PDB file of N, CA and C in Angstrom:
ATOM      1  N   MET A   1     -51.286  25.008-129.584  1.00  0.00           N
ATOM      2  CA  MET A   1     -52.204  25.731-128.767  1.00  0.00           C
ATOM      3  C   MET A   1     -51.802  25.544-127.316  1.00  0.00           C
ATOM      4  N   GLY A   2     -51.877  26.604-126.532  1.00  0.00           N
ATOM      5  CA  GLY A   2     -51.512  26.498-125.136  1.00  0.00           C
ATOM      6  C   GLY A   2     -52.585  27.054-124.226  1.00  0.00           C
ATOM      7  N   VAL A   3     -52.642  26.511-123.048  1.00  0.00           N
ATOM      8  CA  VAL A   3     -53.525  27.007-122.001  1.00  0.00           C
ATOM      9  C   VAL A   3     -52.628  27.326-120.817  1.00  0.00           C
ATOM     10  N   SER A   4     -52.858  28.482-120.196  1.00  0.00           N
ATOM     11  CA  SER A   4     -51.996  28.892-119.096  1.00  0.00           C
ATOM     12  C   SER A   4     -52.088  27.897-117.946  1.00  0.00           C
ATOM     13  N   GLY A   5     -51.202  28.050-116.974  1.00  0.00           N
ATOM     14  CA  GLY A   5     -51.209  27.170-115.813  1.00  0.00           C
ATOM     15  C   GLY A   5     -52.289  27.528-114.803  1.00  0.00           C
ATOM     16  N   ASP A   6     -53.097  28.510-115.081  1.00  0.00           N
ATOM     17  CA  ASP A   6     -54.172  28.931-114.178  1.00  0.00           C
ATOM     18  C   ASP A   6     -55.154  27.777-113.991  1.00  0.00           C
ATOM     19  N   PRO A   7     -55.483  27.432-112.742  1.00  0.00           N
ATOM     20  CA  PRO A   7     -56.420  26.316-112.519  1.00  0.00           C
ATOM     21  C   PRO A   7     -57.825  26.583-113.045  1.00  0.00           C
ATOM     22  N   ASN A   8     -58.124  27.839-113.387  1.00  0.00           N
ATOM     23  CA  ASN A   8     -59.436  28.184-113.938  1.00  0.00           C
ATOM     24  C   ASN A   8     -59.503  27.986-115.449  1.00  0.00           C
ATOM     25  N   ASP A   9     -58.378  27.620-116.065  1.00  0.00           N
ATOM     26  CA  ASP A   9     -58.312  27.407-117.505  1.00  0.00           C
ATOM     27  C   ASP A   9     -58.103  25.927-117.781  1.00  0.00           C
ATOM     28  N   SER A  10     -58.847  25.387-118.740  1.00  0.00           N
ATOM     29  CA  SER A  10     -58.681  23.965-119.013  1.00  0.00           C
ATOM     30  C   SER A  10     -58.874  23.654-120.492  1.00  0.00           C
ATOM     31  N   PHE A  11     -58.185  22.619-120.921  1.00  0.00           N
ATOM     32  CA  PHE A  11     -58.357  22.075-122.263  1.00  0.00           C
ATOM     33  C   PHE A  11     -59.575  21.170-122.213  1.00  0.00           C
ATOM     34  N   ASP A  12     -60.528  21.358-123.145  1.00  0.00           N
ATOM     35  CA  ASP A  12     -61.747  20.556-123.147  1.00  0.00           C
ATOM     36  C   ASP A  12     -61.598  19.323-124.031  1.00  0.00           C
ATOM     37  N   ASN A  13     -61.329  19.533-125.337  1.00  0.00           N
ATOM     38  CA  ASN A  13     -61.246  18.401-126.248  1.00  0.00           C
ATOM     39  C   ASN A  13     -60.774  18.846-127.623  1.00  0.00           C
ATOM     40  N   TRP A  14     -60.417  17.865-128.446  1.00  0.00           N
ATOM     41  CA  TRP A  14     -60.112  18.085-129.860  1.00  0.00           C
ATOM     42  C   TRP A  14     -61.403  17.899-130.659  1.00  0.00           C
ATOM     43  N   TYR A  15     -61.576  18.702-131.717  1.00  0.00           N
ATOM     44  CA  TYR A  15     -62.773  18.632-132.550  1.00  0.00           C
ATOM     45  C   TYR A  15     -62.401  18.547-134.022  1.00  0.00           C
ATOM     46  N   ARG A  16     -63.312  18.011-134.821  1.00  0.00           N
ATOM     47  CA  ARG A  16     -63.136  17.947-136.280  1.00  0.00           C
ATOM     48  C   ARG A  16     -64.461  18.303-136.943  1.00  0.00           C
ATOM     49  N   TYR A  17     -64.375  18.797-138.175  1.00  0.00           N
ATOM     50  CA  TYR A  17     -65.556  19.213-138.931  1.00  0.00           C
ATOM     51  C   TYR A  17     -65.573  18.446-140.249  1.00  0.00           C
ATOM     52  N   PRO A  18     -66.204  17.254-140.273  1.00  0.00           N
ATOM     53  CA  PRO A  18     -66.211  16.450-141.503  1.00  0.00           C
ATOM     54  C   PRO A  18     -67.142  17.039-142.567  1.00  0.00           C
ATOM     55  N   ALA A  19     -66.721  16.946-143.807  1.00  0.00           N
ATOM     56  CA  ALA A  19     -67.502  17.503-144.922  1.00  0.00           C
ATOM     57  C   ALA A  19     -68.905  16.914-144.998  1.00  0.00           C
ATOM     58  N   GLU A  20     -69.032  15.611-144.749  1.00  0.00           N
ATOM     59  CA  GLU A  20     -70.352  14.977-144.905  1.00  0.00           C
ATOM     60  C   GLU A  20     -71.293  15.261-143.737  1.00  0.00           C
ATOM     61  N   GLU A  21     -70.769  15.598-142.558  1.00  0.00           N
ATOM     62  CA  GLU A  21     -71.605  15.850-141.380  1.00  0.00           C
ATOM     63  C   GLU A  21     -72.019  17.317-141.272  1.00  0.00           C
ATOM     64  N   ARG A  22     -71.110  18.199-141.688  1.00  0.00           N
ATOM     65  CA  ARG A  22     -71.318  19.654-141.617  1.00  0.00           C
ATOM     66  C   ARG A  22     -71.657  20.135-140.216  1.00  0.00           C
ATOM     67  N   GLN A  23     -70.949  19.588-139.238  1.00  0.00           N
ATOM     68  CA  GLN A  23     -71.061  20.038-137.855  1.00  0.00           C
ATOM     69  C   GLN A  23     -69.800  19.618-137.111  1.00  0.00           C
ATOM     70  N   TRP A  24     -69.489  20.330-136.020  1.00  0.00           N
ATOM     71  CA  TRP A  24     -68.326  19.988-135.219  1.00  0.00           C
ATOM     72  C   TRP A  24     -68.591  18.709-134.438  1.00  0.00           C
ATOM     73  N   LEU A  25     -67.632  17.786-134.467  1.00  0.00           N
ATOM     74  CA  LEU A  25     -67.709  16.527-133.738  1.00  0.00           C
ATOM     75  C   LEU A  25     -66.453  16.362-132.895  1.00  0.00           C
ATOM     76  N   VAL A  26     -66.591  15.717-131.757  1.00  0.00           N
ATOM     77  CA  VAL A  26     -65.428  15.400-130.932  1.00  0.00           C
ATOM     78  C   VAL A  26     -64.607  14.353-131.683  1.00  0.00           C
ATOM     79  N   MET A  27     -63.287  14.544-131.728  1.00  0.00           N
ATOM     80  CA  MET A  27     -62.435  13.532-132.359  1.00  0.00           C
ATOM     81  C   MET A  27     -62.548  12.240-131.577  1.00  0.00           C
ATOM     82  N   ASP A  28     -62.261  11.128-132.241  1.00  0.00           N
ATOM     83  CA  ASP A  28     -62.278   9.842-131.554  1.00  0.00           C
ATOM     84  C   ASP A  28     -61.555  10.008-130.231  1.00  0.00           C
ATOM     85  N   ASN A  29     -62.217   9.655-129.177  1.00  0.00           N
ATOM     86  CA  ASN A  29     -61.740   9.985-127.849  1.00  0.00           C
ATOM     87  C   ASN A  29     -60.680   9.020-127.330  1.00  0.00           C
ATOM     88  N   VAL A  30     -59.545   9.076-127.965  1.00  0.00           N
ATOM     89  CA  VAL A  30     -58.379   8.336-127.484  1.00  0.00           C
ATOM     90  C   VAL A  30     -57.404   9.421-127.026  1.00  0.00           C
ATOM     91  N   PRO A  31     -57.335   9.701-125.722  1.00  0.00           N
ATOM     92  CA  PRO A  31     -56.604  10.867-125.224  1.00  0.00           C
ATOM     93  C   PRO A  31     -55.194  11.043-125.766  1.00  0.00           C
ATOM     94  N   SER A  32     -54.453   9.960-125.940  1.00  0.00           N
ATOM     95  CA  SER A  32     -53.079  10.103-126.390  1.00  0.00           C
ATOM     96  C   SER A  32     -52.954  10.225-127.909  1.00  0.00           C
ATOM     97  N   ASN A  33     -54.048   9.981-128.644  1.00  0.00           N
ATOM     98  CA  ASN A  33     -53.965   9.998-130.094  1.00  0.00           C
ATOM     99  C   ASN A  33     -55.302  10.387-130.735  1.00  0.00           C
ATOM    100  N   PRO A  34     -55.745  11.659-130.552  1.00  0.00           N
ATOM    101  CA  PRO A  34     -57.001  12.059-131.192  1.00  0.00           C
ATOM    102  C   PRO A  34     -56.859  11.973-132.705  1.00  0.00           C
ATOM    103  N   THR A  35     -57.913  11.533-133.393  1.00  0.00           N
ATOM    104  CA  THR A  35     -57.813  11.250-134.821  1.00  0.00           C
ATOM    105  C   THR A  35     -58.738  12.130-135.646  1.00  0.00           C
ATOM    106  N   SER A  36     -58.177  12.727-136.689  1.00  0.00           N
ATOM    107  CA  SER A  36     -58.981  13.394-137.710  1.00  0.00           C
ATOM    108  C   SER A  36     -58.783  12.610-139.006  1.00  0.00           C
ATOM    109  N   TYR A  37     -59.598  12.915-140.014  1.00  0.00           N
ATOM    110  CA  TYR A  37     -59.588  12.130-141.244  1.00  0.00           C
ATOM    111  C   TYR A  37     -59.452  13.023-142.466  1.00  0.00           C
ATOM    112  N   TYR A  38     -59.097  12.447-143.605  1.00  0.00           N
ATOM    113  CA  TYR A  38     -58.865  13.208-144.829  1.00  0.00           C
ATOM    114  C   TYR A  38     -60.078  14.013-145.250  1.00  0.00           C
ATOM    115  N   ARG A  39     -61.269  13.559-144.915  1.00  0.00           N
ATOM    116  CA  ARG A  39     -62.491  14.258-145.326  1.00  0.00           C
ATOM    117  C   ARG A  39     -62.871  15.401-144.384  1.00  0.00           C
ATOM    118  N   ASP A  40     -62.118  15.586-143.295  1.00  0.00           N
ATOM    119  CA  ASP A  40     -62.391  16.686-142.372  1.00  0.00           C
ATOM    120  C   ASP A  40     -61.973  18.002-143.012  1.00  0.00           C
ATOM    121  N   VAL A  41     -62.893  18.920-143.035  1.00  0.00           N
ATOM    122  CA  VAL A  41     -62.637  20.232-143.617  1.00  0.00           C
ATOM    123  C   VAL A  41     -61.770  21.068-142.682  1.00  0.00           C
ATOM    124  N   GLU A  42     -61.962  20.879-141.389  1.00  0.00           N
ATOM    125  CA  GLU A  42     -61.270  21.689-140.390  1.00  0.00           C
ATOM    126  C   GLU A  42     -61.098  20.875-139.116  1.00  0.00           C
ATOM    127  N   THR A  43     -60.085  21.199-138.357  1.00  0.00           N
ATOM    128  CA  THR A  43     -59.905  20.604-137.034  1.00  0.00           C
ATOM    129  C   THR A  43     -59.658  21.730-136.044  1.00  0.00           C
ATOM    130  N   GLY A  44     -59.903  21.464-134.787  1.00  0.00           N
ATOM    131  CA  GLY A  44     -59.700  22.497-133.778  1.00  0.00           C
ATOM    132  C   GLY A  44     -59.697  21.915-132.391  1.00  0.00           C
ATOM    133  N   ALA A  45     -59.589  22.793-131.436  1.00  0.00           N
ATOM    134  CA  ALA A  45     -59.604  22.401-130.028  1.00  0.00           C
ATOM    135  C   ALA A  45     -60.446  23.407-129.262  1.00  0.00           C
ATOM    136  N   GLN A  46     -60.963  22.965-128.134  1.00  0.00           N
ATOM    137  CA  GLN A  46     -61.790  23.845-127.321  1.00  0.00           C
ATOM    138  C   GLN A  46     -61.167  24.004-125.941  1.00  0.00           C
ATOM    139  N   THR A  47     -61.128  25.259-125.465  1.00  0.00           N
ATOM    140  CA  THR A  47     -60.667  25.540-124.114  1.00  0.00           C
ATOM    141  C   THR A  47     -61.790  26.222-123.341  1.00  0.00           C
ATOM    142  N   ILE A  48     -61.765  26.033-122.046  1.00  0.00           N
ATOM    143  CA  ILE A  48     -62.715  26.681-121.150  1.00  0.00           C
ATOM    144  C   ILE A  48     -61.893  27.573-120.228  1.00  0.00           C
ATOM    145  N   ASN A  49     -62.194  28.854-120.233  1.00  0.00           N
ATOM    146  CA  ASN A  49     -61.424  29.826-119.484  1.00  0.00           C
ATOM    147  C   ASN A  49     -62.367  30.554-118.527  1.00  0.00           C
ATOM    148  N   ALA A  50     -62.100  30.454-117.230  1.00  0.00           N
ATOM    149  CA  ALA A  50     -63.013  30.987-116.219  1.00  0.00           C
ATOM    150  C   ALA A  50     -62.311  31.980-115.297  1.00  0.00           C
ATOM    151  N   ASN A  51     -63.096  32.920-114.798  1.00  0.00           N
ATOM    152  CA  ASN A  51     -62.633  33.891-113.802  1.00  0.00           C
ATOM    153  C   ASN A  51     -61.413  34.691-114.267  1.00  0.00           C
ATOM    154  N   ALA A  52     -61.442  35.141-115.516  1.00  0.00           N
ATOM    155  CA  ALA A  52     -60.336  35.946-116.045  1.00  0.00           C
ATOM    156  C   ALA A  52     -60.221  37.255-115.260  1.00  0.00           C
ATOM    157  N   VAL A  53     -59.001  37.732-115.146  1.00  0.00           N
ATOM    158  CA  VAL A  53     -58.748  39.033-114.530  1.00  0.00           C
ATOM    159  C   VAL A  53     -58.100  39.931-115.579  1.00  0.00           C
ATOM    160  N   ASP A  54     -58.201  41.220-115.369  1.00  0.00           N
ATOM    161  CA  ASP A  54     -57.730  42.203-116.337  1.00  0.00           C
ATOM    162  C   ASP A  54     -56.307  41.887-116.797  1.00  0.00           C
ATOM    163  N   GLY A  55     -56.135  41.774-118.120  1.00  0.00           N
ATOM    164  CA  GLY A  55     -54.827  41.505-118.708  1.00  0.00           C
ATOM    165  C   GLY A  55     -54.550  40.044-119.011  1.00  0.00           C
ATOM    166  N   ASP A  56     -55.382  39.122-118.516  1.00  0.00           N
ATOM    167  CA  ASP A  56     -55.197  37.710-118.879  1.00  0.00           C
ATOM    168  C   ASP A  56     -55.310  37.576-120.396  1.00  0.00           C
ATOM    169  N   TYR A  57     -54.512  36.687-120.973  1.00  0.00           N
ATOM    170  CA  TYR A  57     -54.619  36.466-122.418  1.00  0.00           C
ATOM    171  C   TYR A  57     -54.460  34.988-122.739  1.00  0.00           C
ATOM    172  N   TYR A  58     -54.993  34.637-123.914  1.00  0.00           N
ATOM    173  CA  TYR A  58     -54.988  33.259-124.414  1.00  0.00           C
ATOM    174  C   TYR A  58     -54.486  33.326-125.843  1.00  0.00           C
ATOM    175  N   GLU A  59     -53.579  32.406-126.202  1.00  0.00           N
ATOM    176  CA  GLU A  59     -52.962  32.436-127.527  1.00  0.00           C
ATOM    177  C   GLU A  59     -53.037  31.084-128.215  1.00  0.00           C
ATOM    178  N   ASP A  60     -53.004  31.142-129.543  1.00  0.00           N
ATOM    179  CA  ASP A  60     -52.958  29.941-130.356  1.00  0.00           C
ATOM    180  C   ASP A  60     -52.079  30.217-131.566  1.00  0.00           C
ATOM    181  N   GLU A  61     -51.300  29.225-131.950  1.00  0.00           N
ATOM    182  CA  GLU A  61     -50.516  29.287-133.188  1.00  0.00           C
ATOM    183  C   GLU A  61     -50.882  28.086-134.035  1.00  0.00           C
ATOM    184  N   THR A  62     -51.156  28.338-135.305  1.00  0.00           N
ATOM    185  CA  THR A  62     -51.516  27.281-136.237  1.00  0.00           C
ATOM    186  C   THR A  62     -50.527  27.290-137.393  1.00  0.00           C
ATOM    187  N   ASP A  63     -49.974  26.129-137.719  1.00  0.00           N
ATOM    188  CA  ASP A  63     -49.063  26.004-138.858  1.00  0.00           C
ATOM    189  C   ASP A  63     -49.870  25.644-140.099  1.00  0.00           C
ATOM    190  N   GLU A  64     -49.795  26.494-141.099  1.00  0.00           N
ATOM    191  CA  GLU A  64     -50.471  26.251-142.372  1.00  0.00           C
ATOM    192  C   GLU A  64     -49.597  25.346-143.253  1.00  0.00           C
ATOM    193  N   PRO A  65     -50.202  24.660-144.236  1.00  0.00           N
ATOM    194  CA  PRO A  65     -49.428  23.773-145.113  1.00  0.00           C
ATOM    195  C   PRO A  65     -48.272  24.466-145.833  1.00  0.00           C
ATOM    196  N   ASP A  66     -48.420  25.764-146.125  1.00  0.00           N
ATOM    197  CA  ASP A  66     -47.353  26.476-146.835  1.00  0.00           C
ATOM    198  C   ASP A  66     -46.255  26.976-145.902  1.00  0.00           C
ATOM    199  N   GLY A  67     -46.359  26.657-144.601  1.00  0.00           N
ATOM    200  CA  GLY A  67     -45.346  27.062-143.639  1.00  0.00           C
ATOM    201  C   GLY A  67     -45.681  28.343-142.890  1.00  0.00           C
ATOM    202  N   THR A  68     -46.719  29.042-143.313  1.00  0.00           N
ATOM    203  CA  THR A  68     -47.153  30.253-142.629  1.00  0.00           C
ATOM    204  C   THR A  68     -47.661  29.897-141.233  1.00  0.00           C
ATOM    205  N   VAL A  69     -47.330  30.722-140.267  1.00  0.00           N
ATOM    206  CA  VAL A  69     -47.817  30.521-138.903  1.00  0.00           C
ATOM    207  C   VAL A  69     -48.856  31.598-138.604  1.00  0.00           C
ATOM    208  N   LEU A  70     -50.071  31.168-138.289  1.00  0.00           N
ATOM    209  CA  LEU A  70     -51.136  32.089-137.915  1.00  0.00           C
ATOM    210  C   LEU A  70     -51.185  32.184-136.402  1.00  0.00           C
ATOM    211  N   LYS A  71     -51.213  33.405-135.877  1.00  0.00           N
ATOM    212  CA  LYS A  71     -51.244  33.601-134.436  1.00  0.00           C
ATOM    213  C   LYS A  71     -52.511  34.355-134.046  1.00  0.00           C
ATOM    214  N   VAL A  72     -53.165  33.876-133.009  1.00  0.00           N
ATOM    215  CA  VAL A  72     -54.341  34.542-132.471  1.00  0.00           C
ATOM    216  C   VAL A  72     -54.096  34.793-130.995  1.00  0.00           C
ATOM    217  N   ARG A  73     -54.420  35.989-130.557  1.00  0.00           N
ATOM    218  CA  ARG A  73     -54.296  36.335-129.134  1.00  0.00           C
ATOM    219  C   ARG A  73     -55.592  36.997-128.695  1.00  0.00           C
ATOM    220  N   ILE A  74     -56.180  36.490-127.633  1.00  0.00           N
ATOM    221  CA  ILE A  74     -57.403  37.041-127.069  1.00  0.00           C
ATOM    222  C   ILE A  74     -57.075  37.529-125.661  1.00  0.00           C
ATOM    223  N   THR A  75     -57.339  38.814-125.411  1.00  0.00           N
ATOM    224  CA  THR A  75     -57.016  39.423-124.116  1.00  0.00           C
ATOM    225  C   THR A  75     -58.298  39.821-123.404  1.00  0.00           C
ATOM    226  N   TYR A  76     -58.312  39.614-122.082  1.00  0.00           N
ATOM    227  CA  TYR A  76     -59.476  39.987-121.270  1.00  0.00           C
ATOM    228  C   TYR A  76     -59.254  41.377-120.674  1.00  0.00           C
ATOM    229  N   TYR A  77     -60.286  42.236-120.791  1.00  0.00           N
ATOM    230  CA  TYR A  77     -60.252  43.574-120.218  1.00  0.00           C
ATOM    231  C   TYR A  77     -61.475  43.772-119.325  1.00  0.00           C
ATOM    232  N   GLU A  78     -61.244  44.285-118.115  1.00  0.00           N
ATOM    233  CA  GLU A  78     -62.382  44.607-117.236  1.00  0.00           C
ATOM    234  C   GLU A  78     -63.231  45.713-117.871  1.00  0.00           C
ATOM    235  N   ASN A  79     -62.554  46.696-118.497  1.00  0.00           N
ATOM    236  CA  ASN A  79     -63.236  47.801-119.183  1.00  0.00           C
ATOM    237  C   ASN A  79     -62.586  47.997-120.538  1.00  0.00           C
ATOM    238  N   TYR A  80     -63.423  48.049-121.583  1.00  0.00           N
ATOM    239  CA  TYR A  80     -62.909  48.202-122.948  1.00  0.00           C
ATOM    240  C   TYR A  80     -63.872  49.101-123.726  1.00  0.00           C
ATOM    241  N   ASN A  81     -63.418  50.290-124.063  1.00  0.00           N
ATOM    242  CA  ASN A  81     -64.232  51.242-124.833  1.00  0.00           C
ATOM    243  C   ASN A  81     -65.642  51.416-124.262  1.00  0.00           C
ATOM    244  N   GLY A  82     -65.729  51.583-122.947  1.00  0.00           N
ATOM    245  CA  GLY A  82     -67.012  51.811-122.292  1.00  0.00           C
ATOM    246  C   GLY A  82     -67.810  50.551-121.995  1.00  0.00           C
ATOM    247  N   MET A  83     -67.302  49.384-122.358  1.00  0.00           N
ATOM    248  CA  MET A  83     -67.983  48.116-122.070  1.00  0.00           C
ATOM    249  C   MET A  83     -67.225  47.375-120.976  1.00  0.00           C
ATOM    250  N   GLN A  84     -67.926  46.488-120.276  1.00  0.00           N
ATOM    251  CA  GLN A  84     -67.309  45.767-119.174  1.00  0.00           C
ATOM    252  C   GLN A  84     -67.155  44.284-119.508  1.00  0.00           C
ATOM    253  N   LYS A  85     -66.107  43.704-118.894  1.00  0.00           N
ATOM    254  CA  LYS A  85     -65.825  42.267-118.990  1.00  0.00           C
ATOM    255  C   LYS A  85     -65.769  41.799-120.452  1.00  0.00           C
ATOM    256  N   CYS A  86     -64.675  42.151-121.124  1.00  0.00           N
ATOM    257  CA  CYS A  86     -64.559  41.883-122.563  1.00  0.00           C
ATOM    258  C   CYS A  86     -63.349  41.014-122.899  1.00  0.00           C
ATOM    259  N   PHE A  87     -63.554  40.073-123.806  1.00  0.00           N
ATOM    260  CA  PHE A  87     -62.484  39.294-124.422  1.00  0.00           C
ATOM    261  C   PHE A  87     -62.320  39.841-125.837  1.00  0.00           C
ATOM    262  N   ILE A  88     -61.133  40.394-126.154  1.00  0.00           N
ATOM    263  CA  ILE A  88     -60.905  41.082-127.417  1.00  0.00           C
ATOM    264  C   ILE A  88     -59.696  40.469-128.116  1.00  0.00           C
ATOM    265  N   ASP A  89     -59.829  40.191-129.436  1.00  0.00           N
ATOM    266  CA  ASP A  89     -58.679  39.643-130.164  1.00  0.00           C
ATOM    267  C   ASP A  89     -57.790  40.773-130.665  1.00  0.00           C
ATOM    268  N   GLN A  90     -56.702  40.430-131.324  1.00  0.00           N
ATOM    269  CA  GLN A  90     -55.724  41.428-131.750  1.00  0.00           C
ATOM    270  C   GLN A  90     -56.254  42.358-132.839  1.00  0.00           C
ATOM    271  N   TYR A  91     -57.399  42.038-133.423  1.00  0.00           N
ATOM    272  CA  TYR A  91     -57.995  42.886-134.458  1.00  0.00           C
ATOM    273  C   TYR A  91     -59.089  43.793-133.913  1.00  0.00           C
ATOM    274  N   GLY A  92     -59.390  43.680-132.617  1.00  0.00           N
ATOM    275  CA  GLY A  92     -60.402  44.520-132.003  1.00  0.00           C
ATOM    276  C   GLY A  92     -61.788  43.904-131.952  1.00  0.00           C
ATOM    277  N   TYR A  93     -61.925  42.653-132.411  1.00  0.00           N
ATOM    278  CA  TYR A  93     -63.214  41.961-132.340  1.00  0.00           C
ATOM    279  C   TYR A  93     -63.308  41.230-131.005  1.00  0.00           C
ATOM    280  N   GLY A  94     -64.530  41.109-130.488  1.00  0.00           N
ATOM    281  CA  GLY A  94     -64.642  40.399-129.228  1.00  0.00           C
ATOM    282  C   GLY A  94     -66.063  40.240-128.743  1.00  0.00           C
ATOM    283  N   VAL A  95     -66.139  39.841-127.492  1.00  0.00           N
ATOM    284  CA  VAL A  95     -67.417  39.620-126.832  1.00  0.00           C
ATOM    285  C   VAL A  95     -67.293  40.153-125.407  1.00  0.00           C
ATOM    286  N   CYS A  96     -68.366  40.769-124.914  1.00  0.00           N
ATOM    287  CA  CYS A  96     -68.343  41.378-123.583  1.00  0.00           C
ATOM    288  C   CYS A  96     -69.488  40.845-122.731  1.00  0.00           C
ATOM    289  N   GLY A  97     -69.359  41.046-121.424  1.00  0.00           N
ATOM    290  CA  GLY A  97     -70.439  40.710-120.515  1.00  0.00           C
ATOM    291  C   GLY A  97     -70.126  39.622-119.508  1.00  0.00           C
ATOM    292  N   SER A  98     -68.956  38.994-119.587  1.00  0.00           N
ATOM    293  CA  SER A  98     -68.615  37.927-118.645  1.00  0.00           C
ATOM    294  C   SER A  98     -67.100  37.795-118.563  1.00  0.00           C
ATOM    295  N   ASN A  99     -66.608  37.270-117.451  1.00  0.00           N
ATOM    296  CA  ASN A  99     -65.178  36.995-117.369  1.00  0.00           C
ATOM    297  C   ASN A  99     -64.894  35.501-117.548  1.00  0.00           C
ATOM    298  N   ASN A 100     -65.881  34.784-118.120  1.00  0.00           N
ATOM    299  CA  ASN A 100     -65.738  33.369-118.479  1.00  0.00           C
ATOM    300  C   ASN A 100     -65.978  33.221-119.974  1.00  0.00           C
ATOM    301  N   ILE A 101     -65.214  32.341-120.613  1.00  0.00           N
ATOM    302  CA  ILE A 101     -65.397  32.140-122.046  1.00  0.00           C
ATOM    303  C   ILE A 101     -64.977  30.717-122.439  1.00  0.00           C
ATOM    304  N   THR A 102     -65.704  30.147-123.365  1.00  0.00           N
ATOM    305  CA  THR A 102     -65.324  28.890-123.998  1.00  0.00           C
ATOM    306  C   THR A 102     -64.882  29.231-125.409  1.00  0.00           C
ATOM    307  N   ILE A 103     -63.681  28.826-125.778  1.00  0.00           N
ATOM    308  CA  ILE A 103     -63.110  29.181-127.086  1.00  0.00           C
ATOM    309  C   ILE A 103     -62.913  27.916-127.919  1.00  0.00           C
ATOM    310  N   LEU A 104     -63.461  27.914-129.133  1.00  0.00           N
ATOM    311  CA  LEU A 104     -63.174  26.864-130.102  1.00  0.00           C
ATOM    312  C   LEU A 104     -62.115  27.421-131.050  1.00  0.00           C
ATOM    313  N   TRP A 105     -60.913  26.907-130.945  1.00  0.00           N
ATOM    314  CA  TRP A 105     -59.773  27.352-131.762  1.00  0.00           C
ATOM    315  C   TRP A 105     -59.740  26.508-133.035  1.00  0.00           C
ATOM    316  N   TYR A 106     -59.794  27.146-134.184  1.00  0.00           N
ATOM    317  CA  TYR A 106     -59.674  26.429-135.455  1.00  0.00           C
ATOM    318  C   TYR A 106     -59.085  27.310-136.511  1.00  0.00           C
TER     319      TYR A 106
END
């Protein structure tokens, strides 16, 4: 996962979703070695992206156990199909109304 060099974009934290808790939790907060466990159903990371301008995009690549690489790209548009201030993924899904977004990548 990458975050652009824009000072308005930042990495927030690593997260895990343990089966017994059934909610997102911050991974053990050891910055150089965040830890997930065998019972975690999912892991992810959160980014905070502020003051996007038209054409800014955010990407993530995830390696699956079978070697498949999943890619997600979210692009910001000032105007999108008659709506303003929209973050839209490569499939056309998104959210509109602000040029700031917090993304949980998983």
